[in-house]
Amino acid sequence: MKFRFWGVRGSIPSPGPRTARYGGNTTCIEVRLDDGTLIVLDAGTGLFPLAQQLLKDGAAVDANIFITHSHWDHIHGLPFFTPLFVKGSRVCLYGAYDQTSGRGIEHVMAVQLQNSYFPVDEAQMAATIAYRTLEVGVPVTVGQATLSNVVMNHPVLNLGYRIECRGRSLFFTGDHEPWHNPHPPGDPRRRAVDAHLAERERAVDAVMAGVDALVVDCSYTIDEYPARAGWGHGTFDGAIAMALRVGARALYCTHHEPTRSDDELEAAFADVLARHAGQLGGLQVHLAYEGLEVFLGPAPEPA
């Protein structure tokens, strides 16, 4: 199994010379199983360059797209996924039930393809399009892989996904905020919220446990976070703490703050690594960039 980052920015695309090294496209990760099965995690603007790469050989595409949640920066590449217009292509969209509309994952396409927002409706697309609304906590099988999901900490329902294939594993958080209790010490509501958050943390940690590659929302520095608490995004420090807690082998920091230049991003990353020097053990920590490809490979055969 291998994966590649096609979009690593959060909230809004941020192209330009200040972001040229790490990339300005929003979230999209290509996952390839050993049998060639294509799984795509989120459909931000990085989905468009992925589509161009997929169609270089002119063949139809079979894609399984898993959406963490329906905020724009995670879905606004979908109408521009070129295989949707190619006869013979098959695209299956997976995601959670939408609590606001009361509809399944099909609402993501239905909203974007309204005539006010996009000139082509689904009936004009040549591909075979299917939808699968996931049940929270219920795994599904795609090709050789098992995909498990768990609810993360975000203002809307956001599913984190674990992909397990031939003894190797990848977990992607989508958007995720540290477990933050808004009630100050001494507030009678604080204890109950602490207990609830601890229970949710245990549920998430159980799905992440021992993962080979952990891909996490690291939008903010620890100094920036207090002014943004409740916005639904993570910190570098929170991601490292999570990776160490669950025994991850490698951490990939993504969903970069869109106003942060590449130089500023590297400086923030260097600062957090310096502060955690000597605490990481065997954990490898990486700053994700567009084009970064990671090969996990099959589990080694027993001796």
Protein backbone atom coordinates (compact mmCIF):
# COMPACT_ATOMS: atom_id res chain seq x y z
CA MET A 1 0.00 0.00 0.00
CA LYS A 2 1.17 3.53 -0.76
CA PHE A 3 -0.27 7.01 -0.46
CA ARG A 4 0.40 10.39 -2.01
CA PHE A 5 -0.57 13.91 -0.99
CA TRP A 6 -2.28 15.99 -3.69
CA GLY A 7 -3.51 18.78 -1.39
CA VAL A 8 -2.18 19.78 2.04
CA ARG A 9 -3.66 23.23 2.77
CA GLY A 10 -6.67 23.86 4.96
CA SER A 11 -9.75 26.06 4.78
CA ILE A 12 -9.18 27.71 1.38
CA PRO A 13 -6.83 27.16 -1.59
CA SER A 14 -3.73 29.34 -1.27
CA PRO A 15 -1.73 29.16 -4.52
CA GLY A 16 1.16 31.47 -5.24
CA PRO A 17 4.91 31.91 -4.73
CA ARG A 18 4.60 31.88 -0.90
CA THR A 19 3.22 28.31 -0.96
CA ALA A 20 4.96 26.86 -4.02
CA ARG A 21 7.12 24.33 -2.17
CA TYR A 22 4.45 22.70 -0.06
CA GLY A 23 1.48 23.47 -2.30
CA GLY A 24 -1.68 25.54 -2.17
CA ASN A 25 -4.34 22.92 -2.92
CA THR A 26 -6.74 21.77 -0.22
CA THR A 27 -7.01 18.28 1.20
CA CYS A 28 -6.76 15.24 -1.06
CA ILE A 29 -4.80 12.02 -0.49
CA GLU A 30 -4.46 9.22 -3.04
CA VAL A 31 -4.14 5.70 -1.60
CA ARG A 32 -3.17 2.76 -3.83
CA LEU A 33 -3.59 -0.79 -2.66
CA ASP A 34 -1.26 -3.55 -3.86
CA ASP A 35 -3.92 -4.76 -6.32
CA GLY A 36 -4.22 -1.28 -7.87
CA THR A 37 -7.47 -0.34 -6.13
CA LEU A 38 -7.76 3.45 -5.85
CA ILE A 39 -9.00 5.04 -2.64
CA VAL A 40 -9.12 8.83 -2.32
CA LEU A 41 -9.36 10.54 1.05
CA ASP A 42 -11.23 13.85 0.71
CA ALA A 43 -11.93 15.84 -2.41
CA GLY A 44 -10.43 19.29 -1.97
CA THR A 45 -8.84 21.12 -4.91
CA GLY A 46 -6.02 18.58 -4.90
CA LEU A 47 -8.51 16.20 -6.52
CA PHE A 48 -8.19 18.09 -9.82
CA PRO A 49 -4.46 17.48 -10.42
CA LEU A 50 -4.98 13.88 -9.29
CA ALA A 51 -7.67 13.54 -11.96
CA GLN A 52 -5.32 14.85 -14.63
CA GLN A 53 -2.71 12.28 -13.63
CA LEU A 54 -5.26 9.44 -13.64
CA LEU A 55 -6.41 10.24 -17.16
CA LYS A 56 -2.95 10.53 -18.73
CA ASP A 57 -3.19 7.01 -20.14
CA GLY A 58 -6.68 7.67 -21.52
CA ALA A 59 -8.31 4.75 -19.69
CA ALA A 60 -11.49 4.89 -17.64
CA VAL A 61 -11.02 5.24 -13.88
CA ASP A 62 -12.43 3.24 -10.99
CA ALA A 63 -12.26 5.42 -7.86
CA ASN A 64 -13.50 5.12 -4.28
CA ILE A 65 -13.69 8.58 -2.68
CA PHE A 66 -14.08 8.78 1.10
CA ILE A 67 -15.23 12.15 2.43
CA THR A 68 -14.38 13.01 6.05
CA HIS A 69 -16.95 15.82 6.20
CA SER A 70 -18.71 18.26 3.93
CA HIS A 71 -16.94 21.56 4.58
CA TRP A 72 -16.00 23.20 1.29
CA ASP A 73 -12.24 22.72 1.47
CA HIS A 74 -12.76 18.94 1.62
CA ILE A 75 -15.29 18.64 -1.23
CA HIS A 76 -14.98 21.49 -3.69
CA GLY A 77 -12.82 19.50 -6.10
CA LEU A 78 -15.58 16.96 -6.74
CA PRO A 79 -17.33 18.62 -9.71
CA PHE A 80 -13.92 18.98 -11.36
CA PHE A 81 -12.97 15.30 -10.99
CA THR A 82 -12.56 14.70 -14.71
CA PRO A 83 -13.27 10.92 -14.65
CA LEU A 84 -16.91 11.82 -13.83
CA PHE A 85 -17.19 12.89 -17.48
CA VAL A 86 -15.52 9.79 -18.95
CA LYS A 87 -17.72 6.93 -20.13
CA GLY A 88 -16.72 3.66 -18.48
CA SER A 89 -15.40 5.30 -15.33
CA ARG A 90 -16.91 4.27 -12.01
CA VAL A 91 -16.87 6.57 -9.01
CA CYS A 92 -18.23 5.62 -5.60
CA LEU A 93 -18.58 8.35 -2.98
CA TYR A 94 -18.49 7.29 0.68
CA GLY A 95 -19.30 9.40 3.72
CA ALA A 96 -21.49 10.03 6.70
CA TYR A 97 -25.19 10.78 7.00
CA ASP A 98 -25.77 14.54 6.99
CA GLN A 99 -27.47 15.50 10.23
CA THR A 100 -28.56 18.92 8.94
CA SER A 101 -30.22 17.88 5.67
CA GLY A 102 -31.26 14.40 6.81
CA ARG A 103 -29.73 12.94 3.66
CA GLY A 104 -26.94 10.49 2.86
CA ILE A 105 -23.59 11.29 1.28
CA GLU A 106 -25.31 12.03 -2.05
CA HIS A 107 -26.17 15.49 -0.68
CA VAL A 108 -22.54 16.54 -1.23
CA MET A 109 -22.88 16.26 -5.00
CA ALA A 110 -26.47 17.46 -5.08
CA VAL A 111 -25.61 20.75 -3.40
CA GLN A 112 -22.59 21.50 -5.59
CA LEU A 113 -24.30 20.59 -8.86
CA GLN A 114 -27.20 23.00 -8.44
CA ASN A 115 -27.46 25.17 -11.54
CA SER A 116 -26.65 28.30 -9.54
CA TYR A 117 -23.22 26.93 -8.72
CA PHE A 118 -22.18 24.60 -11.55
CA PRO A 119 -23.22 24.39 -15.23
CA VAL A 120 -23.38 20.57 -15.52
CA ASP A 121 -25.77 18.35 -13.61
CA GLU A 122 -25.16 14.74 -12.64
CA ALA A 123 -27.38 13.38 -15.44
CA GLN A 124 -24.91 14.79 -17.98
CA MET A 125 -21.93 13.01 -16.43
CA ALA A 126 -20.87 9.92 -18.37
CA ALA A 127 -19.39 7.92 -15.49
CA THR A 128 -21.31 5.48 -13.34
CA ILE A 129 -21.72 7.24 -9.99
CA ALA A 130 -22.68 5.44 -6.79
CA TYR A 131 -23.11 6.56 -3.20
CA ARG A 132 -22.57 4.69 0.04
CA THR A 133 -23.58 6.33 3.28
CA LEU A 134 -21.48 4.89 6.08
CA GLU A 135 -22.64 3.86 9.52
CA VAL A 136 -20.50 5.29 12.28
CA GLY A 137 -18.14 2.63 13.62
CA VAL A 138 -19.05 0.03 10.98
CA PRO A 139 -16.10 -1.04 8.75
CA VAL A 140 -16.40 -1.51 4.98
CA THR A 141 -14.25 -3.49 2.54
CA VAL A 142 -12.77 -1.97 -0.61
CA GLY A 143 -10.53 -4.23 -2.65
CA GLN A 144 -8.03 -5.85 -0.28
CA ALA A 145 -8.53 -3.17 2.39
CA THR A 146 -10.76 -2.75 5.39
CA LEU A 147 -11.75 0.83 6.17
CA SER A 148 -12.87 1.65 9.70
CA ASN A 149 -14.27 5.00 10.78
CA VAL A 150 -14.60 6.95 14.01
CA VAL A 151 -16.08 10.36 14.86
CA MET A 152 -13.41 13.03 15.37
CA ASN A 153 -13.69 16.38 17.20
CA HIS A 154 -15.06 18.98 14.77
CA PRO A 155 -18.08 21.32 14.70
CA VAL A 156 -19.77 19.06 12.13
CA LEU A 157 -19.70 15.27 11.94
CA ASN A 158 -16.21 14.36 10.70
CA LEU A 159 -15.17 10.75 10.21
CA GLY A 160 -11.55 9.75 10.64
CA TYR A 161 -10.62 6.76 8.48
CA ARG A 162 -8.26 3.86 9.11
CA ILE A 163 -7.21 1.85 6.05
CA GLU A 164 -5.86 -1.61 6.84
CA CYS A 165 -4.36 -3.70 4.03
CA ARG A 166 -2.07 -6.74 4.22
CA GLY A 167 -0.80 -5.89 7.66
CA ARG A 168 -0.12 -2.20 7.00
CA SER A 169 -2.28 0.72 8.09
CA LEU A 170 -2.95 4.41 7.52
CA PHE A 171 -5.18 6.70 9.58
CA PHE A 172 -6.41 10.11 8.39
CA THR A 173 -8.15 12.45 10.81
CA GLY A 174 -9.71 14.90 8.39
CA ASP A 175 -10.28 17.96 10.57
CA HIS A 176 -9.70 17.37 14.28
CA GLU A 177 -9.36 19.64 17.30
CA PRO A 178 -7.63 18.74 20.57
CA TRP A 179 -10.02 17.58 23.27
CA HIS A 180 -10.91 20.99 24.68
CA ASN A 181 -13.19 21.58 27.66
CA PRO A 182 -14.69 25.10 27.35
CA HIS A 183 -15.72 25.23 31.02
CA PRO A 184 -13.16 26.69 33.47
CA PRO A 185 -12.01 24.89 36.62
CA GLY A 186 -14.67 25.11 39.30
CA ASP A 187 -17.54 25.22 36.82
CA PRO A 188 -20.01 22.45 37.79
CA ARG A 189 -20.30 21.41 34.13
CA ARG A 190 -16.58 20.77 33.70
CA ARG A 191 -16.45 17.30 35.29
CA ALA A 192 -19.16 15.82 33.07
CA VAL A 193 -17.56 17.28 29.93
CA ASP A 194 -14.14 15.92 30.96
CA ALA A 195 -15.63 12.44 31.31
CA HIS A 196 -17.36 12.71 27.93
CA LEU A 197 -14.20 13.91 26.18
CA ALA A 198 -12.11 11.14 27.77
CA GLU A 199 -14.57 8.56 26.47
CA ARG A 200 -14.41 10.03 22.95
CA GLU A 201 -10.61 10.14 23.08
CA ARG A 202 -10.47 6.46 24.04
CA ALA A 203 -12.74 5.57 21.09
CA VAL A 204 -10.54 7.47 18.62
CA ASP A 205 -7.30 6.15 20.09
CA ALA A 206 -8.56 2.57 19.77
CA VAL A 207 -9.02 2.98 16.00
CA MET A 208 -5.63 4.68 15.61
CA ALA A 209 -3.70 2.21 17.78
CA GLY A 210 -0.39 1.02 16.34
CA VAL A 211 -0.97 2.64 12.94
CA ASP A 212 1.96 2.77 10.51
CA ALA A 213 1.13 6.25 9.20
CA LEU A 214 -0.96 8.83 11.05
CA VAL A 215 -2.04 11.86 8.98
CA VAL A 216 -3.28 14.69 11.18
CA ASP A 217 -4.76 18.19 10.95
CA CYS A 218 -1.97 20.47 12.28
CA SER A 219 -3.35 23.89 11.38
CA TYR A 220 -2.07 25.87 14.36
CA THR A 221 0.88 26.32 16.64
CA ILE A 222 0.30 25.88 20.36
CA ASP A 223 0.50 29.68 20.79
CA GLU A 224 -2.10 30.34 18.08
CA TYR A 225 -4.59 27.77 19.33
CA PRO A 226 -6.16 29.56 22.35
CA ALA A 227 -7.59 32.31 20.12
CA ARG A 228 -9.02 29.65 17.79
CA ALA A 229 -10.38 27.12 20.28
CA GLY A 230 -13.67 25.70 19.06
CA TRP A 231 -12.88 26.22 15.37
CA GLY A 232 -12.30 22.50 14.93
CA HIS A 233 -8.62 22.33 13.98
CA GLY A 234 -5.51 20.84 15.52
CA THR A 235 -2.01 21.80 16.57
CA PHE A 236 1.42 20.34 15.91
CA ASP A 237 1.84 19.64 19.61
CA GLY A 238 -1.53 17.92 19.86
CA ALA A 239 -0.71 15.73 16.87
CA ILE A 240 2.62 14.62 18.36
CA ALA A 241 0.97 13.84 21.69
CA MET A 242 -1.68 11.81 19.87
CA ALA A 243 0.87 9.90 17.80
CA LEU A 244 2.90 9.00 20.87
CA ARG A 245 -0.19 8.00 22.82
CA VAL A 246 -1.46 5.57 20.18
CA GLY A 247 1.95 4.15 19.24
CA ALA A 248 1.99 5.41 15.66
CA ARG A 249 5.16 4.68 13.70
CA ALA A 250 5.11 7.89 11.63
CA LEU A 251 3.20 11.18 11.79
CA TYR A 252 2.41 13.36 8.77
CA CYS A 253 1.37 16.92 9.56
CA THR A 254 -1.09 18.42 7.07
CA HIS A 255 -4.03 20.88 6.65
CA HIS A 256 -1.55 23.76 6.75
CA GLU A 257 -2.88 27.18 7.75
CA PRO A 258 -3.56 28.99 4.41
CA THR A 259 -2.00 32.31 5.47
CA ARG A 260 1.27 30.60 6.44
CA SER A 261 4.04 30.82 3.84
CA ASP A 262 6.34 27.87 3.20
CA ASP A 263 9.11 29.59 5.15
CA GLU A 264 6.78 30.27 8.08
CA LEU A 265 5.50 26.70 7.94
CA GLU A 266 9.03 25.30 8.12
CA ALA A 267 9.88 27.63 11.01
CA ALA A 268 6.80 26.54 12.99
CA PHE A 269 7.62 22.89 12.32
CA ALA A 270 11.26 23.30 13.32
CA ASP A 271 10.18 24.98 16.55
CA VAL A 272 7.85 22.17 17.58
CA LEU A 273 10.45 19.51 16.77
CA ALA A 274 13.05 21.36 18.83
CA ARG A 275 10.69 21.53 21.80
CA HIS A 276 9.99 17.78 21.56
CA ALA A 277 13.59 16.74 21.02
CA GLY A 278 14.36 13.65 23.05
CA GLN A 279 10.66 12.87 23.57
CA LEU A 280 9.79 11.26 20.23
CA GLY A 281 11.42 7.86 20.70
CA GLY A 282 11.09 6.04 17.38
CA LEU A 283 8.31 8.30 16.06
CA GLN A 284 9.14 9.87 12.68
CA VAL A 285 7.47 13.27 12.14
CA HIS A 286 7.05 14.69 8.63
CA LEU A 287 5.68 17.90 7.14
CA ALA A 288 3.37 16.91 4.27
CA TYR A 289 3.74 18.54 0.86
CA GLU A 290 2.07 18.08 -2.50
CA GLY A 291 3.70 15.18 -4.28
CA LEU A 292 5.00 13.45 -1.15
CA GLU A 293 4.55 9.71 -1.74
CA VAL A 294 4.89 7.13 1.03
CA PHE A 295 5.23 3.40 0.44
CA LEU A 296 4.10 1.27 3.37
CA GLY A 297 4.42 -2.12 1.72
CA PRO A 298 3.04 -5.42 2.93
CA ALA A 299 3.77 -6.71 6.43
CA PRO A 300 6.97 -8.79 6.55
CA GLU A 301 6.62 -12.55 6.34
CA PRO A 302 7.19 -14.46 9.59
CA ALA A 303 10.72 -15.85 9.95
